[in-house]
Amino acid sequence: MVSIRKYEEKDRADMHFVCDNSEGPEEVPNYLTGLFYHNTFCDYYIEHEPENCFVLEDKDKVVGYIICAENFDNFKKIFDSEYLPRSDSYGDDRYEWASTAYNVPERFKEEYPAHFHINILPEYQRMGLGGKLIDTLCDHLAKKGVCGVCLTCGPRNERAMGFYKKYNFTLLSIDYDDACFGKKINV
């Protein structure tokens, strides 16, 4: 039975596995790209805000997660000083990609100060678990007094776009690279 619980340090390797494999076997990144994804889209959250991270667990194995930074300015300061400098070591053009990865959420940080990433292994997708993770995170953020949360996804990812609309996220912006969705949290 799949359950949701708070992230624990013992989950780190499983989280990285989910990060690398949530798009399916045909999209698994090579070793350096995987390290780049961990550094850019995962490690800050579990290292600096583990209290804002939740995992889906099935039989003592993490099969999905939602990870969040509750304050964009705090996130950006630490990300730029600790994580961004490592980006070039993961391949050409990685620094440029990492340095712009959070430009869109930054534009909406006043109304949506928190942002998150969610990943679920393919065999656990389309079971309502993503919605449960989002509800868990939003309830958690509401208790902390956070007024809004946002995320980005690829604008051609029709499944993701439909998912966020279904869960009452508002499309804030869309361009060639990113669709940004936001949700107000009633406190």
N, C-alpha and C. Protein backbone atom coordinates (compact mmCIF):
# COMPACT_ATOMS: atom_id res chain seq x y z
N MET A 1 0.84 -1.18 0.00
CA MET A 1 0.00 0.00 0.00
C MET A 1 0.88 1.24 0.00
N VAL A 2 0.59 2.18 -0.86
CA VAL A 2 1.37 3.40 -0.99
C VAL A 2 0.93 4.40 0.07
N SER A 3 1.90 5.00 0.74
CA SER A 3 1.60 6.01 1.76
C SER A 3 2.49 7.23 1.54
N ILE A 4 2.09 8.33 2.17
CA ILE A 4 2.85 9.58 2.10
C ILE A 4 3.42 9.85 3.48
N ARG A 5 4.69 10.23 3.50
CA ARG A 5 5.33 10.61 4.76
C ARG A 5 6.37 11.67 4.49
N LYS A 6 6.89 12.25 5.56
CA LYS A 6 7.96 13.25 5.43
C LYS A 6 9.23 12.58 4.93
N TYR A 7 10.01 13.35 4.19
CA TYR A 7 11.32 12.90 3.72
C TYR A 7 12.23 12.62 4.92
N GLU A 8 13.06 11.59 4.79
CA GLU A 8 14.12 11.28 5.76
C GLU A 8 15.42 11.12 4.98
N GLU A 9 16.54 11.39 5.63
CA GLU A 9 17.85 11.33 4.96
C GLU A 9 18.09 9.97 4.28
N LYS A 10 17.57 8.90 4.85
CA LYS A 10 17.74 7.56 4.26
C LYS A 10 17.11 7.44 2.87
N ASP A 11 16.25 8.41 2.51
CA ASP A 11 15.55 8.37 1.23
C ASP A 11 16.35 8.95 0.07
N ARG A 12 17.49 9.52 0.33
CA ARG A 12 18.24 10.28 -0.68
C ARG A 12 18.49 9.49 -1.98
N ALA A 13 19.02 8.29 -1.87
CA ALA A 13 19.33 7.49 -3.08
C ALA A 13 18.04 7.16 -3.85
N ASP A 14 16.98 6.81 -3.13
CA ASP A 14 15.71 6.53 -3.80
C ASP A 14 15.16 7.78 -4.49
N MET A 15 15.32 8.94 -3.85
CA MET A 15 14.85 10.20 -4.46
C MET A 15 15.60 10.44 -5.77
N HIS A 16 16.91 10.23 -5.76
CA HIS A 16 17.69 10.42 -6.98
C HIS A 16 17.23 9.43 -8.07
N PHE A 17 16.93 8.20 -7.67
CA PHE A 17 16.44 7.21 -8.63
C PHE A 17 15.13 7.69 -9.26
N VAL A 18 14.21 8.18 -8.43
CA VAL A 18 12.93 8.68 -8.94
C VAL A 18 13.16 9.88 -9.86
N CYS A 19 14.05 10.78 -9.44
CA CYS A 19 14.39 11.95 -10.26
C CYS A 19 14.84 11.52 -11.66
N ASP A 20 15.66 10.49 -11.72
CA ASP A 20 16.21 10.01 -12.99
C ASP A 20 15.22 9.19 -13.81
N ASN A 21 14.23 8.58 -13.18
CA ASN A 21 13.40 7.58 -13.86
C ASN A 21 11.93 7.94 -13.99
N SER A 22 11.52 9.12 -13.58
CA SER A 22 10.10 9.45 -13.59
C SER A 22 9.53 9.66 -14.99
N GLU A 23 10.38 9.85 -15.97
CA GLU A 23 9.90 10.03 -17.36
C GLU A 23 9.85 8.71 -18.13
N GLY A 24 10.25 7.61 -17.49
CA GLY A 24 10.22 6.31 -18.14
C GLY A 24 11.58 5.90 -18.65
N PRO A 25 11.74 4.62 -18.98
CA PRO A 25 13.05 4.08 -19.33
C PRO A 25 13.68 4.72 -20.56
N GLU A 26 12.87 5.21 -21.48
CA GLU A 26 13.43 5.81 -22.69
C GLU A 26 14.02 7.19 -22.44
N GLU A 27 13.75 7.77 -21.28
CA GLU A 27 14.22 9.13 -20.96
C GLU A 27 15.25 9.16 -19.83
N VAL A 28 15.75 8.03 -19.38
CA VAL A 28 16.71 8.00 -18.28
C VAL A 28 17.98 8.74 -18.70
N PRO A 29 18.40 9.73 -17.90
CA PRO A 29 19.58 10.51 -18.29
C PRO A 29 20.87 9.72 -18.12
N ASN A 30 21.90 10.16 -18.86
CA ASN A 30 23.21 9.56 -18.64
C ASN A 30 23.73 9.99 -17.27
N TYR A 31 24.85 9.44 -16.86
CA TYR A 31 25.36 9.64 -15.50
C TYR A 31 25.54 11.13 -15.16
N LEU A 32 26.25 11.88 -16.00
CA LEU A 32 26.50 13.30 -15.70
C LEU A 32 25.21 14.12 -15.72
N THR A 33 24.33 13.82 -16.65
CA THR A 33 23.06 14.54 -16.69
C THR A 33 22.25 14.24 -15.43
N GLY A 34 22.27 12.99 -14.99
CA GLY A 34 21.60 12.64 -13.74
C GLY A 34 22.15 13.43 -12.56
N LEU A 35 23.45 13.54 -12.48
CA LEU A 35 24.06 14.34 -11.39
C LEU A 35 23.65 15.80 -11.50
N PHE A 36 23.58 16.30 -12.71
CA PHE A 36 23.13 17.68 -12.92
C PHE A 36 21.69 17.85 -12.43
N TYR A 37 20.80 16.92 -12.79
CA TYR A 37 19.41 16.99 -12.34
C TYR A 37 19.32 16.97 -10.82
N HIS A 38 20.10 16.09 -10.19
CA HIS A 38 20.08 16.01 -8.71
C HIS A 38 20.51 17.35 -8.13
N ASN A 39 21.60 17.89 -8.64
CA ASN A 39 22.15 19.15 -8.13
C ASN A 39 21.19 20.32 -8.37
N THR A 40 20.54 20.35 -9.52
CA THR A 40 19.74 21.51 -9.92
C THR A 40 18.29 21.42 -9.45
N PHE A 41 17.74 20.22 -9.41
CA PHE A 41 16.30 20.08 -9.17
C PHE A 41 15.92 19.24 -7.95
N CYS A 42 16.89 18.83 -7.15
CA CYS A 42 16.56 17.94 -6.03
C CYS A 42 17.32 18.27 -4.75
N ASP A 43 18.63 18.36 -4.83
CA ASP A 43 19.45 18.38 -3.61
C ASP A 43 19.23 19.58 -2.71
N TYR A 44 19.03 20.78 -3.27
CA TYR A 44 18.78 21.93 -2.39
C TYR A 44 17.64 21.61 -1.42
N TYR A 45 16.55 21.09 -1.94
CA TYR A 45 15.32 20.90 -1.16
C TYR A 45 15.53 19.90 -0.03
N ILE A 46 16.16 18.77 -0.33
CA ILE A 46 16.35 17.75 0.70
C ILE A 46 17.48 18.11 1.67
N GLU A 47 18.39 18.96 1.25
CA GLU A 47 19.48 19.37 2.13
C GLU A 47 19.14 20.59 2.98
N HIS A 48 18.34 21.51 2.44
CA HIS A 48 18.07 22.76 3.15
C HIS A 48 16.64 22.91 3.66
N GLU A 49 15.70 22.19 3.07
CA GLU A 49 14.31 22.30 3.51
C GLU A 49 13.64 20.93 3.57
N PRO A 50 14.26 19.97 4.25
CA PRO A 50 13.67 18.63 4.30
C PRO A 50 12.28 18.63 4.94
N GLU A 51 12.00 19.62 5.78
CA GLU A 51 10.68 19.69 6.40
C GLU A 51 9.58 20.00 5.39
N ASN A 52 9.96 20.45 4.19
CA ASN A 52 9.00 20.75 3.12
C ASN A 52 9.03 19.70 2.01
N CYS A 53 9.51 18.52 2.33
CA CYS A 53 9.63 17.44 1.36
C CYS A 53 8.85 16.22 1.84
N PHE A 54 8.09 15.64 0.91
CA PHE A 54 7.27 14.47 1.23
C PHE A 54 7.51 13.40 0.18
N VAL A 55 7.45 12.14 0.61
CA VAL A 55 7.69 11.02 -0.30
C VAL A 55 6.47 10.10 -0.35
N LEU A 56 6.33 9.45 -1.50
CA LEU A 56 5.40 8.33 -1.66
C LEU A 56 6.22 7.09 -1.39
N GLU A 57 5.73 6.24 -0.51
CA GLU A 57 6.47 5.04 -0.15
C GLU A 57 5.60 3.82 -0.42
N ASP A 58 6.20 2.82 -1.04
CA ASP A 58 5.54 1.54 -1.26
C ASP A 58 6.51 0.45 -0.84
N LYS A 59 6.13 -0.30 0.17
CA LYS A 59 6.98 -1.40 0.67
C LYS A 59 8.39 -0.93 0.98
N ASP A 60 8.50 0.12 1.76
CA ASP A 60 9.79 0.68 2.21
C ASP A 60 10.66 1.23 1.08
N LYS A 61 10.05 1.53 -0.05
CA LYS A 61 10.80 2.11 -1.17
C LYS A 61 10.10 3.39 -1.61
N VAL A 62 10.88 4.44 -1.83
CA VAL A 62 10.33 5.71 -2.32
C VAL A 62 10.03 5.56 -3.80
N VAL A 63 8.78 5.87 -4.18
CA VAL A 63 8.35 5.73 -5.58
C VAL A 63 7.91 7.07 -6.16
N GLY A 64 7.96 8.12 -5.35
CA GLY A 64 7.60 9.45 -5.81
C GLY A 64 7.88 10.46 -4.71
N TYR A 65 7.84 11.73 -5.08
CA TYR A 65 8.08 12.77 -4.08
C TYR A 65 7.54 14.11 -4.55
N ILE A 66 7.40 15.00 -3.57
CA ILE A 66 7.16 16.42 -3.82
C ILE A 66 8.11 17.16 -2.89
N ILE A 67 8.89 18.07 -3.47
CA ILE A 67 9.90 18.81 -2.71
C ILE A 67 9.69 20.29 -2.94
N CYS A 68 9.87 21.08 -1.90
CA CYS A 68 9.45 22.48 -1.98
C CYS A 68 10.42 23.41 -1.27
N ALA A 69 10.57 24.58 -1.84
CA ALA A 69 11.22 25.72 -1.18
C ALA A 69 10.11 26.69 -0.84
N GLU A 70 9.97 27.07 0.41
CA GLU A 70 8.83 27.89 0.81
C GLU A 70 9.04 29.38 0.59
N ASN A 71 10.28 29.82 0.41
CA ASN A 71 10.56 31.23 0.20
C ASN A 71 11.57 31.35 -0.94
N PHE A 72 11.15 31.93 -2.07
CA PHE A 72 12.01 31.97 -3.25
C PHE A 72 13.33 32.69 -2.99
N ASP A 73 13.29 33.83 -2.32
CA ASP A 73 14.53 34.59 -2.11
C ASP A 73 15.55 33.81 -1.29
N ASN A 74 15.10 33.11 -0.25
CA ASN A 74 16.02 32.28 0.54
C ASN A 74 16.60 31.16 -0.32
N PHE A 75 15.74 30.52 -1.09
CA PHE A 75 16.18 29.45 -1.99
C PHE A 75 17.25 29.96 -2.95
N LYS A 76 16.96 31.06 -3.64
CA LYS A 76 17.85 31.56 -4.69
C LYS A 76 19.22 31.93 -4.14
N LYS A 77 19.25 32.53 -2.96
CA LYS A 77 20.53 32.92 -2.35
C LYS A 77 21.41 31.68 -2.13
N ILE A 78 20.85 30.63 -1.57
CA ILE A 78 21.62 29.41 -1.31
C ILE A 78 21.91 28.66 -2.60
N PHE A 79 20.93 28.56 -3.49
CA PHE A 79 21.14 27.85 -4.75
C PHE A 79 22.29 28.49 -5.53
N ASP A 80 22.27 29.82 -5.65
CA ASP A 80 23.30 30.51 -6.42
C ASP A 80 24.69 30.38 -5.80
N SER A 81 24.78 30.27 -4.50
CA SER A 81 26.10 30.19 -3.86
C SER A 81 26.61 28.76 -3.75
N GLU A 82 25.74 27.77 -3.55
CA GLU A 82 26.19 26.40 -3.31
C GLU A 82 26.03 25.46 -4.50
N TYR A 83 24.95 25.58 -5.23
CA TYR A 83 24.62 24.58 -6.26
C TYR A 83 24.97 25.04 -7.67
N LEU A 84 24.71 26.29 -7.98
CA LEU A 84 25.01 26.80 -9.31
C LEU A 84 26.48 26.68 -9.68
N PRO A 85 27.43 26.98 -8.78
CA PRO A 85 28.85 26.87 -9.17
C PRO A 85 29.27 25.46 -9.60
N ARG A 86 28.59 24.43 -9.16
CA ARG A 86 28.94 23.06 -9.54
C ARG A 86 28.45 22.66 -10.93
N SER A 87 27.57 23.46 -11.50
CA SER A 87 26.86 23.06 -12.72
C SER A 87 27.78 22.73 -13.89
N ASP A 88 28.83 23.50 -14.09
CA ASP A 88 29.74 23.26 -15.22
C ASP A 88 30.42 21.90 -15.15
N SER A 89 30.56 21.35 -13.96
CA SER A 89 31.24 20.06 -13.83
C SER A 89 30.39 18.91 -14.38
N TYR A 90 29.14 19.19 -14.73
CA TYR A 90 28.25 18.14 -15.24
C TYR A 90 28.09 18.18 -16.75
N GLY A 91 28.85 19.03 -17.44
CA GLY A 91 28.80 19.05 -18.89
C GLY A 91 28.66 20.45 -19.45
N ASP A 92 28.87 20.55 -20.75
CA ASP A 92 28.79 21.83 -21.45
C ASP A 92 27.42 22.46 -21.30
N ASP A 93 27.40 23.74 -21.16
CA ASP A 93 26.18 24.55 -21.10
C ASP A 93 25.31 24.28 -19.87
N ARG A 94 25.79 23.48 -18.94
CA ARG A 94 24.98 23.18 -17.75
C ARG A 94 24.85 24.42 -16.85
N TYR A 95 25.91 25.21 -16.75
CA TYR A 95 25.84 26.41 -15.91
C TYR A 95 24.74 27.35 -16.43
N GLU A 96 24.73 27.56 -17.73
CA GLU A 96 23.72 28.46 -18.30
C GLU A 96 22.31 27.93 -18.04
N TRP A 97 22.10 26.64 -18.23
CA TRP A 97 20.79 26.05 -17.98
C TRP A 97 20.39 26.22 -16.52
N ALA A 98 21.29 25.88 -15.60
CA ALA A 98 20.99 26.00 -14.17
C ALA A 98 20.76 27.45 -13.76
N SER A 99 21.51 28.37 -14.37
CA SER A 99 21.40 29.77 -13.97
C SER A 99 20.07 30.39 -14.41
N THR A 100 19.41 29.78 -15.38
CA THR A 100 18.12 30.30 -15.84
C THR A 100 16.93 29.41 -15.43
N ALA A 101 17.21 28.29 -14.79
CA ALA A 101 16.17 27.31 -14.47
C ALA A 101 15.05 27.88 -13.60
N TYR A 102 15.36 28.88 -12.81
CA TYR A 102 14.36 29.41 -11.88
C TYR A 102 13.94 30.84 -12.20
N ASN A 103 14.22 31.29 -13.42
CA ASN A 103 13.82 32.65 -13.81
C ASN A 103 12.31 32.84 -13.80
N VAL A 104 11.57 31.86 -14.26
CA VAL A 104 10.11 32.01 -14.33
C VAL A 104 9.49 32.07 -12.94
N PRO A 105 9.77 31.12 -12.03
CA PRO A 105 9.19 31.25 -10.69
C PRO A 105 9.59 32.56 -9.98
N GLU A 106 10.77 33.05 -10.30
CA GLU A 106 11.21 34.31 -9.68
C GLU A 106 10.28 35.47 -10.05
N ARG A 107 9.74 35.45 -11.26
CA ARG A 107 8.84 36.52 -11.69
C ARG A 107 7.55 36.56 -10.87
N PHE A 108 7.18 35.45 -10.27
CA PHE A 108 5.91 35.34 -9.55
C PHE A 108 6.09 35.19 -8.04
N LYS A 109 7.29 35.45 -7.55
CA LYS A 109 7.60 35.16 -6.15
C LYS A 109 6.81 35.97 -5.13
N GLU A 110 6.29 37.12 -5.50
CA GLU A 110 5.53 37.91 -4.53
C GLU A 110 4.20 37.24 -4.20
N GLU A 111 3.48 36.79 -5.22
CA GLU A 111 2.20 36.13 -4.99
C GLU A 111 2.33 34.64 -4.72
N TYR A 112 3.40 34.05 -5.22
CA TYR A 112 3.63 32.61 -5.09
C TYR A 112 5.07 32.40 -4.59
N PRO A 113 5.34 32.65 -3.31
CA PRO A 113 6.71 32.61 -2.81
C PRO A 113 7.31 31.20 -2.77
N ALA A 114 6.47 30.18 -2.70
CA ALA A 114 6.96 28.81 -2.67
C ALA A 114 6.94 28.23 -4.08
N HIS A 115 7.85 27.29 -4.33
CA HIS A 115 7.81 26.55 -5.59
C HIS A 115 8.18 25.09 -5.29
N PHE A 116 7.75 24.20 -6.17
CA PHE A 116 8.00 22.79 -5.92
C PHE A 116 8.33 22.02 -7.18
N HIS A 117 8.85 20.81 -6.93
CA HIS A 117 9.06 19.80 -7.97
C HIS A 117 8.35 18.54 -7.51
N ILE A 118 7.74 17.85 -8.43
CA ILE A 118 7.06 16.59 -8.13
C ILE A 118 7.47 15.57 -9.18
N ASN A 119 7.82 14.38 -8.72
CA ASN A 119 8.17 13.28 -9.62
C ASN A 119 7.62 11.98 -9.05
N ILE A 120 7.10 11.15 -9.94
CA ILE A 120 6.55 9.86 -9.56
C ILE A 120 6.97 8.85 -10.62
N LEU A 121 7.40 7.67 -10.17
CA LEU A 121 7.77 6.63 -11.13
C LEU A 121 6.57 6.29 -12.03
N PRO A 122 6.81 5.96 -13.30
CA PRO A 122 5.71 5.75 -14.26
C PRO A 122 4.65 4.75 -13.79
N GLU A 123 5.08 3.67 -13.16
CA GLU A 123 4.11 2.64 -12.77
C GLU A 123 3.19 3.10 -11.62
N TYR A 124 3.47 4.25 -11.03
CA TYR A 124 2.64 4.81 -9.96
C TYR A 124 1.90 6.07 -10.41
N GLN A 125 2.07 6.44 -11.65
CA GLN A 125 1.37 7.61 -12.18
C GLN A 125 -0.06 7.24 -12.56
N ARG A 126 -0.91 8.26 -12.62
CA ARG A 126 -2.31 8.11 -13.03
C ARG A 126 -3.09 7.24 -12.04
N MET A 127 -2.72 7.38 -10.76
CA MET A 127 -3.41 6.65 -9.69
C MET A 127 -3.95 7.63 -8.63
N GLY A 128 -3.87 8.92 -8.91
CA GLY A 128 -4.33 9.92 -7.94
C GLY A 128 -3.29 10.29 -6.90
N LEU A 129 -2.10 9.72 -6.99
CA LEU A 129 -1.07 9.95 -5.98
C LEU A 129 -0.46 11.34 -6.09
N GLY A 130 -0.34 11.86 -7.30
CA GLY A 130 0.19 13.21 -7.48
C GLY A 130 -0.71 14.24 -6.80
N GLY A 131 -2.01 14.08 -6.96
CA GLY A 131 -2.95 14.98 -6.29
C GLY A 131 -2.84 14.90 -4.78
N LYS A 132 -2.64 13.69 -4.26
CA LYS A 132 -2.47 13.53 -2.81
C LYS A 132 -1.19 14.19 -2.33
N LEU A 133 -0.12 14.09 -3.11
CA LEU A 133 1.12 14.78 -2.75
C LEU A 133 0.91 16.30 -2.73
N ILE A 134 0.23 16.82 -3.74
CA ILE A 134 -0.02 18.26 -3.80
C ILE A 134 -0.88 18.70 -2.63
N ASP A 135 -1.93 17.94 -2.31
CA ASP A 135 -2.77 18.28 -1.16
C ASP A 135 -1.95 18.28 0.13
N THR A 136 -1.09 17.30 0.29
CA THR A 136 -0.25 17.21 1.49
C THR A 136 0.64 18.44 1.60
N LEU A 137 1.28 18.79 0.49
CA LEU A 137 2.17 19.96 0.51
C LEU A 137 1.39 21.24 0.77
N CYS A 138 0.28 21.44 0.09
CA CYS A 138 -0.49 22.68 0.26
C CYS A 138 -1.03 22.81 1.68
N ASP A 139 -1.49 21.71 2.28
CA ASP A 139 -1.93 21.74 3.68
C ASP A 139 -0.77 22.12 4.60
N HIS A 140 0.38 21.55 4.34
CA HIS A 140 1.59 21.84 5.12
C HIS A 140 1.97 23.32 5.00
N LEU A 141 1.98 23.85 3.77
CA LEU A 141 2.35 25.25 3.55
C LEU A 141 1.32 26.19 4.16
N ALA A 142 0.04 25.84 4.11
CA ALA A 142 -1.01 26.68 4.70
C ALA A 142 -0.77 26.83 6.21
N LYS A 143 -0.41 25.73 6.86
CA LYS A 143 -0.13 25.78 8.30
C LYS A 143 1.06 26.68 8.62
N LYS A 144 1.97 26.83 7.66
CA LYS A 144 3.15 27.68 7.84
C LYS A 144 2.88 29.12 7.42
N GLY A 145 1.68 29.39 6.89
CA GLY A 145 1.32 30.74 6.50
C GLY A 145 1.81 31.16 5.13
N VAL A 146 2.19 30.20 4.29
CA VAL A 146 2.64 30.50 2.93
C VAL A 146 1.40 30.78 2.08
N CYS A 147 1.41 31.87 1.31
CA CYS A 147 0.21 32.31 0.59
C CYS A 147 0.03 31.71 -0.80
N GLY A 148 1.09 31.17 -1.39
CA GLY A 148 0.96 30.62 -2.74
C GLY A 148 2.16 29.79 -3.13
N VAL A 149 1.94 28.90 -4.09
CA VAL A 149 2.99 28.00 -4.56
C VAL A 149 2.92 27.92 -6.08
N CYS A 150 4.07 27.76 -6.73
CA CYS A 150 4.10 27.62 -8.18
C CYS A 150 5.09 26.54 -8.61
N LEU A 151 5.04 26.24 -9.89
CA LEU A 151 5.94 25.26 -10.48
C LEU A 151 6.02 25.53 -11.97
N THR A 152 7.01 24.95 -12.61
CA THR A 152 7.09 25.02 -14.07
C THR A 152 7.10 23.59 -14.62
N CYS A 153 6.63 23.47 -15.85
CA CYS A 153 6.72 22.21 -16.58
C CYS A 153 6.90 22.57 -18.06
N GLY A 154 7.22 21.58 -18.84
CA GLY A 154 7.38 21.81 -20.26
C GLY A 154 6.04 22.14 -20.91
N PRO A 155 5.98 23.14 -21.77
CA PRO A 155 4.72 23.54 -22.37
C PRO A 155 4.15 22.52 -23.35
N ARG A 156 4.94 21.56 -23.77
CA ARG A 156 4.45 20.52 -24.67
C ARG A 156 4.08 19.24 -23.91
N ASN A 157 4.22 19.27 -22.59
CA ASN A 157 3.88 18.13 -21.75
C ASN A 157 2.38 18.22 -21.42
N GLU A 158 1.57 17.74 -22.34
CA GLU A 158 0.12 17.88 -22.22
C GLU A 158 -0.44 17.18 -20.99
N ARG A 159 0.14 16.05 -20.62
CA ARG A 159 -0.33 15.34 -19.41
C ARG A 159 -0.12 16.19 -18.17
N ALA A 160 1.07 16.76 -18.05
CA ALA A 160 1.36 17.60 -16.88
C ALA A 160 0.49 18.85 -16.88
N MET A 161 0.36 19.47 -18.03
CA MET A 161 -0.46 20.69 -18.12
C MET A 161 -1.90 20.38 -17.69
N GLY A 162 -2.45 19.28 -18.17
CA GLY A 162 -3.80 18.90 -17.79
C GLY A 162 -3.91 18.57 -16.31
N PHE A 163 -2.89 17.93 -15.77
CA PHE A 163 -2.87 17.57 -14.35
C PHE A 163 -2.96 18.82 -13.47
N TYR A 164 -2.13 19.83 -13.77
CA TYR A 164 -2.13 21.03 -12.92
C TYR A 164 -3.43 21.81 -13.05
N LYS A 165 -3.99 21.84 -14.24
CA LYS A 165 -5.29 22.50 -14.41
C LYS A 165 -6.36 21.76 -13.62
N LYS A 166 -6.33 20.44 -13.64
CA LYS A 166 -7.30 19.63 -12.90
C LYS A 166 -7.23 19.94 -11.40
N TYR A 167 -6.05 20.23 -10.89
CA TYR A 167 -5.87 20.51 -9.47
C TYR A 167 -5.91 22.00 -9.16
N ASN A 168 -6.63 22.74 -10.01
CA ASN A 168 -6.92 24.16 -9.78
C ASN A 168 -5.69 25.06 -9.71
N PHE A 169 -4.66 24.72 -10.47
CA PHE A 169 -3.55 25.63 -10.64
C PHE A 169 -3.90 26.56 -11.80
N THR A 170 -3.47 27.80 -11.69
CA THR A 170 -3.70 28.80 -12.73
C THR A 170 -2.47 28.90 -13.60
N LEU A 171 -2.65 28.90 -14.91
CA LEU A 171 -1.53 29.11 -15.83
C LEU A 171 -1.11 30.57 -15.73
N LEU A 172 0.10 30.81 -15.23
CA LEU A 172 0.60 32.18 -15.03
C LEU A 172 1.34 32.70 -16.25
N SER A 173 2.07 31.82 -16.91
CA SER A 173 2.80 32.23 -18.12
C SER A 173 3.15 30.98 -18.91
N ILE A 174 3.39 31.19 -20.20
CA ILE A 174 3.82 30.09 -21.06
C ILE A 174 4.68 30.67 -22.17
N ASP A 175 5.78 29.99 -22.45
CA ASP A 175 6.63 30.35 -23.57
C ASP A 175 7.17 29.05 -24.16
N TYR A 176 8.18 29.15 -24.99
CA TYR A 176 8.70 27.98 -25.68
C TYR A 176 9.25 26.94 -24.71
N ASP A 177 9.88 27.39 -23.61
CA ASP A 177 10.57 26.49 -22.68
C ASP A 177 9.76 26.10 -21.45
N ASP A 178 8.92 26.99 -20.95
CA ASP A 178 8.28 26.77 -19.66
C ASP A 178 6.82 27.19 -19.65
N ALA A 179 6.03 26.37 -18.97
CA ALA A 179 4.68 26.77 -18.56
C ALA A 179 4.76 26.89 -17.04
N CYS A 180 4.31 28.01 -16.52
CA CYS A 180 4.35 28.23 -15.06
C CYS A 180 2.92 28.25 -14.54
N PHE A 181 2.67 27.43 -13.54
CA PHE A 181 1.38 27.35 -12.88
C PHE A 181 1.51 27.79 -11.43
N GLY A 182 0.46 28.44 -10.92
CA GLY A 182 0.45 28.86 -9.53
C GLY A 182 -0.86 28.51 -8.86
N LYS A 183 -0.79 28.38 -7.56
CA LYS A 183 -1.99 28.10 -6.77
C LYS A 183 -1.92 28.92 -5.49
N LYS A 184 -2.98 29.66 -5.23
CA LYS A 184 -3.10 30.40 -3.98
C LYS A 184 -3.43 29.41 -2.87
N ILE A 185 -2.87 29.65 -1.73
CA ILE A 185 -3.14 28.81 -0.56
C ILE A 185 -3.88 29.65 0.46
N ASN A 186 -5.05 29.23 0.80
CA ASN A 186 -5.83 29.98 1.79
C ASN A 186 -5.28 29.69 3.19
N VAL A 187 -4.89 30.77 3.86
CA VAL A 187 -4.36 30.60 5.21
C VAL A 187 -5.33 31.15 6.22
